[in-house]
Protein backbone atom coordinates (compact mmCIF):
# COMPACT_ATOMS: atom_id res chain seq x y z
CA UNK A 1 100.78 133.54 92.68
CA UNK A 2 97.76 132.45 90.68
CA UNK A 3 96.70 130.49 87.60
CA UNK A 4 93.42 131.08 85.76
CA UNK A 5 91.91 128.51 83.39
CA UNK A 6 89.44 129.71 80.75
CA UNK A 7 86.93 127.56 78.87
CA UNK A 8 84.95 128.28 75.69
CA UNK A 9 87.12 131.27 74.81
CA UNK A 10 86.16 131.09 71.11
CA UNK A 11 89.59 132.51 70.25
CA UNK A 12 91.20 131.04 67.14
CA UNK A 13 94.77 129.83 66.86
CA UNK A 14 97.43 128.96 69.40
CA UNK A 15 100.02 131.06 71.20
CA UNK A 16 100.43 133.94 73.59
CA UNK A 17 97.47 135.96 74.82
CA UNK A 18 97.43 139.09 76.95
CA UNK A 19 94.66 140.56 79.09
CA UNK A 20 95.92 143.84 80.51
CA UNK A 21 98.82 143.04 82.84
CA UNK A 22 98.08 139.30 82.83
CA UNK A 23 99.40 137.02 80.12
CA UNK A 24 99.41 133.37 79.19
CA UNK A 25 98.67 131.16 76.23
CA UNK A 26 95.57 130.00 74.38
CA UNK A 27 94.63 126.97 72.33
CA UNK A 28 91.78 127.29 69.83
CA UNK A 29 90.63 126.02 66.46
CA UNK A 30 92.94 126.82 63.55
CA UNK A 31 90.29 127.51 60.91
CA UNK A 32 86.58 127.77 60.33
CA UNK A 33 84.06 129.25 62.72
CA UNK A 34 85.46 130.38 66.09
CA UNK A 35 84.31 127.83 68.69
CA UNK A 36 85.47 125.96 71.77
CA UNK A 37 88.89 127.20 72.92
CA UNK A 38 90.83 127.09 76.18
CA UNK A 39 93.46 129.32 77.77
CA UNK A 40 95.70 129.54 80.81
CA UNK A 41 96.74 132.85 82.36
CA UNK A 42 99.44 133.22 85.02
CA UNK A 43 100.09 136.08 87.40
CA UNK A 44 103.18 138.23 86.88
CA UNK A 45 105.02 136.75 89.86
CA UNK A 46 104.52 133.22 88.49
CA UNK A 47 105.88 133.78 84.99
CA UNK A 48 109.47 133.16 86.02
CA UNK A 49 108.46 129.74 87.38
CA UNK A 50 106.92 128.52 84.11
CA UNK A 51 108.97 125.74 82.55
CA UNK A 52 106.78 124.55 79.67
CA UNK A 53 103.52 125.14 77.83
CA UNK A 54 101.62 122.61 75.73
CA UNK A 55 98.59 123.31 73.53
CA UNK A 56 97.03 119.96 72.67
CA UNK A 57 93.73 120.90 71.04
CA UNK A 58 90.98 123.51 71.10
CA UNK A 59 89.72 121.74 74.23
CA UNK A 60 92.91 120.93 76.11
CA UNK A 61 96.22 122.53 77.15
CA UNK A 62 98.58 122.68 80.12
CA UNK A 63 101.39 124.63 81.76
CA UNK A 64 104.17 123.16 83.90
CA UNK A 65 105.52 125.24 86.77
CA UNK A 66 108.61 124.70 88.93
CA UNK A 67 108.32 125.73 92.56
CA UNK A 68 111.14 125.14 95.08
CA UNK A 69 111.55 121.36 95.33
CA UNK A 70 108.35 120.45 93.47
CA UNK A 71 106.68 120.47 90.08
CA UNK A 72 103.06 121.44 89.36
CA UNK A 73 101.05 121.10 86.16
CA UNK A 74 97.86 123.10 85.59
CA UNK A 75 95.53 121.70 82.92
CA UNK A 76 92.77 123.71 81.26
CA UNK A 77 90.04 121.56 79.70
CA UNK A 78 86.68 122.17 78.04
CA UNK A 79 84.63 119.01 77.63
CA UNK A 80 82.05 118.55 74.88
CA UNK A 81 78.42 118.66 75.97
CA UNK A 82 75.86 115.90 75.54
CA UNK A 83 74.71 117.51 72.28
CA UNK A 84 78.04 116.59 70.68
CA UNK A 85 78.41 113.25 68.92
CA UNK A 86 79.83 110.21 70.68
CA UNK A 87 83.06 110.23 68.68
CA UNK A 88 83.89 113.79 69.76
CA UNK A 89 83.19 113.01 73.41
CA UNK A 90 85.27 109.82 73.35
CA UNK A 91 88.16 111.62 71.66
CA UNK A 92 88.17 114.35 74.31
CA UNK A 93 88.19 111.94 77.26
CA UNK A 94 90.86 109.78 75.66
CA UNK A 95 93.01 112.84 74.99
CA UNK A 96 92.55 114.08 78.56
CA UNK A 97 93.36 110.70 80.06
CA UNK A 98 96.47 110.36 77.88
CA UNK A 99 97.52 113.87 78.90
CA UNK A 100 97.24 113.11 82.62
CA UNK A 101 98.99 109.79 82.18
CA UNK A 102 102.01 111.55 80.70
CA UNK A 103 102.96 113.36 83.92
CA UNK A 104 105.33 111.69 86.36
CA UNK A 105 104.32 110.50 89.81
CA UNK A 106 106.32 113.34 91.37
CA UNK A 107 104.26 116.01 89.61
CA UNK A 108 101.25 117.63 91.31
CA UNK A 109 98.42 117.98 88.78
CA UNK A 110 95.50 120.41 88.90
CA UNK A 111 92.76 119.99 86.29
CA UNK A 112 90.40 122.94 85.87
CA UNK A 113 87.60 123.86 83.52
CA UNK A 114 84.11 123.25 82.22
CA UNK A 115 84.02 119.49 81.69
CA UNK A 116 80.26 119.30 81.04
CA UNK A 117 80.30 116.39 83.50
CA UNK A 118 77.82 115.65 86.28
CA UNK A 119 79.33 113.40 88.96
CA UNK A 120 76.33 113.17 91.30
CA UNK A 121 76.16 113.28 95.09
CA UNK A 122 77.14 109.71 95.94
CA UNK A 123 80.39 109.50 97.90
CA UNK A 124 83.15 107.54 96.18
CA UNK A 125 86.08 106.96 98.49
CA UNK A 126 89.09 109.04 97.54
CA UNK A 127 87.41 110.58 94.48
CA UNK A 128 83.99 112.16 95.18
CA UNK A 129 83.28 113.74 98.55
CA UNK A 130 79.98 113.99 100.40
CA UNK A 131 79.10 117.49 99.12
CA UNK A 132 78.27 116.78 95.50
CA UNK A 133 74.91 117.63 93.91
CA UNK A 134 72.24 115.31 92.45
CA UNK A 135 72.52 114.28 88.82
CA UNK A 136 75.02 112.22 86.86
CA UNK A 137 75.72 111.87 83.13
CA UNK A 138 78.01 109.85 80.88
CA UNK A 139 80.79 112.43 81.05
CA UNK A 140 80.51 112.37 84.83
CA UNK A 141 81.00 108.60 84.80
CA UNK A 142 84.04 109.06 82.58
CA UNK A 143 85.48 111.70 84.92
CA UNK A 144 84.97 109.48 87.96
CA UNK A 145 86.58 106.52 86.22
CA UNK A 146 89.55 108.59 85.09
CA UNK A 147 90.05 110.07 88.57
CA UNK A 148 89.89 106.61 90.13
CA UNK A 149 92.56 105.29 87.79
CA UNK A 150 94.78 108.38 87.95
CA UNK A 151 94.34 108.83 91.73
CA UNK A 152 92.76 112.28 91.54
CA UNK A 153 90.15 113.99 93.72
CA UNK A 154 87.18 116.06 92.54
CA UNK A 155 87.74 119.07 94.79
CA UNK A 156 84.30 120.69 94.42
CA UNK A 157 82.67 117.79 96.28
CA UNK A 158 84.85 118.03 99.40
CA UNK A 159 83.64 121.35 100.80
CA UNK A 160 80.29 122.14 102.41
CA UNK A 161 78.73 125.10 100.60
CA UNK A 162 75.42 126.89 100.23
CA UNK A 163 73.75 126.00 96.93
CA UNK A 164 74.57 129.39 95.40
CA UNK A 165 78.27 128.62 95.93
CA UNK A 166 78.07 125.06 94.58
CA UNK A 167 76.25 124.96 91.23
CA UNK A 168 78.31 126.11 88.25
CA UNK A 169 75.56 126.13 85.63
CA UNK A 170 71.95 127.27 85.82
CA UNK A 171 69.26 127.31 83.13
CA UNK A 172 66.32 129.66 83.52
CA UNK A 173 63.07 130.12 81.62
CA UNK A 174 60.43 132.68 82.38
CA UNK A 175 62.38 133.82 85.42
CA UNK A 176 62.33 130.28 86.89
CA UNK A 177 65.22 127.88 87.34
CA UNK A 178 64.46 124.75 85.32
CA UNK A 179 67.82 123.00 85.60
CA UNK A 180 71.12 123.43 87.41
CA UNK A 181 74.30 121.41 87.74
CA UNK A 182 77.89 121.25 88.89
CA UNK A 183 79.87 120.89 85.66
CA UNK A 184 82.98 123.05 86.16
CA UNK A 185 85.64 121.47 88.35
CA UNK A 186 88.88 121.77 90.23
CA UNK A 187 90.43 118.28 90.26
CA UNK A 188 93.75 117.60 91.99
CA UNK A 189 96.22 114.76 92.45
CA UNK A 190 95.39 112.77 95.57
CA UNK A 191 98.81 113.54 97.03
CA UNK A 192 98.07 117.27 96.78
CA UNK A 193 94.54 117.06 98.15
CA UNK A 194 95.64 118.29 101.57
CA UNK A 195 96.90 121.49 99.94
CA UNK A 196 93.46 122.31 98.55
CA UNK A 197 91.95 124.78 101.01
CA UNK A 198 88.64 125.61 99.32
CA UNK A 199 86.62 125.41 96.10
CA UNK A 200 83.77 127.88 95.74
CA UNK A 201 81.60 129.33 93.01
CA UNK A 202 81.08 132.98 92.17
CA UNK A 203 77.72 133.57 90.53
CA UNK A 204 77.73 135.24 87.13
CA UNK A 205 75.57 138.21 86.26
CA UNK A 206 73.55 136.28 83.69
CA UNK A 207 72.49 133.52 86.04
CA UNK A 208 75.24 131.19 84.84
CA UNK A 209 78.13 130.56 87.19
CA UNK A 210 81.83 129.73 87.18
CA UNK A 211 84.17 128.01 89.70
CA UNK A 212 86.99 129.55 91.67
CA UNK A 213 89.52 127.25 93.32
């Protein structure tokens, strides 16, 4: 059984989407230029366990799944980058925090996606592990604060990895790496942290990378 979260799909509208034998739902802008967009795809054997879908915005959606004796919610999120205005960034983080707050204490939550957040390499008990990477930005501070309040763990920072399996974004110029960061995350409820076995990164062909949890 598997769930795949997609960010920056640039698909317009909301509703069902199909990729070969895999299906799910998407949440994109309703009009204007195609931009942003998120989606969640579920494997065939998981479809019968899906209880509810919710498309909140072109940057946020979730699916609730019922396993024997427990509920899980998988959230797909795409955070605005630093080039976006302050109002857009604040709206996203408020929407995400409100979304997470709406799930009961008995629900295991997994947040996945490109959050455009840099959380740094400083250990924060119960939130950030010792295997982060240098660099922190405003969105990273917001993510840390939200995880602290909602009792969630940033899974990427809890596993020792080689650099090529840690950074999720790389910028190159003239064949040289000029910047790199961990900005795509797998974040889980603290109560489910022991169920998280690994978070690794598979490098993309273009030099950019994406996370696999």
